[in-house]
Amino acid sequence: MINLTVTQVLAGGGGLVVLFLVWRAGARRAKAAAEAARGGARLVSLVGRVLFNAGLIVAVQWVVITHQGGPWLLLAVLGLPALFAAYALTRALTVTTVDNSRRRR
């Protein structure tokens, strides 16, 4: 049979509570670190896709300009990416508001 004093039981219980709190705090920190890493990875992925697409557009424009494809082809190759970029920038920079101020009856 195990003979434990009240002090030993309280010390053991307190030690278990401390271990639980340390474990829980570590889990929270790990979750926060994972969220931060995921956000950074999204940004890097977005930057990579933007750079790849920009390089692709520049390559096509370079080929058309250096090989003299004709005025309409030149206009299409230079104008279409400009239209897409202008559309994206306009949507990104436009501030929209939602007015939900209806009168209550």
Protein backbone atom coordinates (compact mmCIF):
# COMPACT_ATOMS: atom_id res chain seq x y z
CA MET A 1 0.00 0.00 0.00
CA ILE A 2 1.16 3.51 -0.77
CA ASN A 3 1.38 5.92 2.12
CA LEU A 4 1.23 9.55 0.95
CA THR A 5 0.85 12.62 3.07
CA VAL A 6 -1.51 15.44 2.24
CA THR A 7 1.45 17.63 1.29
CA GLN A 8 2.75 15.02 -1.16
CA VAL A 9 -0.67 14.62 -2.79
CA LEU A 10 -1.07 18.41 -3.15
CA ALA A 11 2.47 18.74 -4.57
CA GLY A 12 1.79 15.97 -7.10
CA GLY A 13 -1.54 17.51 -8.12
CA GLY A 14 0.06 20.94 -8.47
CA GLY A 15 2.83 19.44 -10.61
CA LEU A 16 0.24 17.84 -12.91
CA VAL A 17 -1.60 21.16 -13.24
CA VAL A 18 1.66 22.96 -14.11
CA LEU A 19 2.55 20.31 -16.71
CA PHE A 20 -0.91 20.63 -18.27
CA LEU A 21 -0.65 24.43 -18.46
CA VAL A 22 2.84 24.25 -20.03
CA TRP A 23 1.59 21.71 -22.58
CA ARG A 24 -1.42 23.87 -23.43
CA ALA A 25 0.68 27.04 -23.85
CA GLY A 26 3.07 25.16 -26.15
CA ALA A 27 0.16 23.95 -28.27
CA ARG A 28 -1.14 27.52 -28.60
CA ARG A 29 2.30 28.79 -29.64
CA ALA A 30 2.65 26.01 -32.18
CA LYS A 31 -0.77 26.81 -33.65
CA ALA A 32 0.09 30.52 -33.89
CA ALA A 33 3.41 29.70 -35.58
CA ALA A 34 1.66 27.42 -38.07
CA GLU A 35 -0.86 30.15 -38.93
CA ALA A 36 1.94 32.68 -39.45
CA ALA A 37 3.86 30.27 -41.68
CA ARG A 38 0.74 29.52 -43.71
CA GLY A 39 0.13 33.23 -44.28
CA GLY A 40 3.72 33.76 -45.38
CA ALA A 41 3.53 30.79 -47.74
CA ARG A 42 0.39 32.24 -49.34
CA LEU A 43 2.21 35.51 -49.96
CA VAL A 44 5.24 33.76 -51.47
CA SER A 45 2.98 31.64 -53.65
CA LEU A 46 1.09 34.71 -54.87
CA VAL A 47 4.31 36.58 -55.64
CA GLY A 48 5.64 33.58 -57.56
CA ARG A 49 2.50 33.31 -59.67
CA VAL A 50 2.50 37.05 -60.39
CA LEU A 51 6.16 36.99 -61.45
CA PHE A 52 5.63 33.92 -63.65
CA ASN A 53 2.62 35.46 -65.41
CA ALA A 54 4.41 38.79 -65.86
CA GLY A 55 7.40 36.97 -67.37
CA LEU A 56 5.11 35.07 -69.72
CA ILE A 57 3.41 38.27 -70.90
CA VAL A 58 6.77 40.01 -71.41
CA ALA A 59 8.11 37.03 -73.38
CA VAL A 60 5.13 37.03 -75.75
CA GLN A 61 5.36 40.79 -76.18
CA TRP A 62 9.10 40.53 -76.86
CA VAL A 63 8.59 37.90 -79.56
CA VAL A 64 5.87 39.92 -81.33
CA ILE A 65 7.81 43.19 -81.16
CA THR A 66 11.11 41.72 -82.39
CA HIS A 67 9.55 39.72 -85.24
CA GLN A 68 7.35 42.57 -86.56
CA GLY A 69 4.01 40.77 -86.38
CA GLY A 70 1.97 43.63 -87.80
CA PRO A 71 0.20 46.62 -86.25
CA TRP A 72 -2.97 44.76 -85.15
CA LEU A 73 -1.01 41.95 -83.53
CA LEU A 74 1.22 44.49 -81.81
CA LEU A 75 -1.83 46.38 -80.56
CA ALA A 76 -3.40 43.15 -79.25
CA VAL A 77 -0.21 41.95 -77.56
CA LEU A 78 0.40 45.29 -75.85
CA GLY A 79 -3.22 46.34 -75.29
CA LEU A 80 -4.83 43.21 -73.83
CA PRO A 81 -2.43 42.82 -70.89
CA ALA A 82 -2.79 46.55 -70.23
CA LEU A 83 -6.59 46.17 -70.11
CA PHE A 84 -6.37 43.23 -67.68
CA ALA A 85 -3.91 45.10 -65.47
CA ALA A 86 -6.07 48.24 -65.52
CA TYR A 87 -9.16 46.21 -64.61
CA ALA A 88 -7.38 44.48 -61.73
CA LEU A 89 -5.92 47.73 -60.39
CA THR A 90 -9.25 49.53 -60.67
CA ARG A 91 -11.03 46.78 -58.73
CA ALA A 92 -8.28 46.68 -56.10
CA LEU A 93 -8.20 50.44 -55.58
CA THR A 94 -11.93 51.16 -55.76
CA VAL A 95 -13.55 51.72 -52.39
CA THR A 96 -17.07 50.40 -52.16
CA THR A 97 -19.44 51.01 -49.32
CA VAL A 98 -22.55 49.16 -48.31
CA ASP A 99 -25.31 51.31 -46.95
CA ASN A 100 -27.60 49.27 -44.73
CA SER A 101 -29.33 52.19 -43.05
CA ARG A 102 -32.96 51.24 -43.53
CA ARG A 103 -35.67 52.77 -41.41
CA ARG A 104 -37.25 50.47 -38.91
CA ARG A 105 -41.02 50.36 -38.97
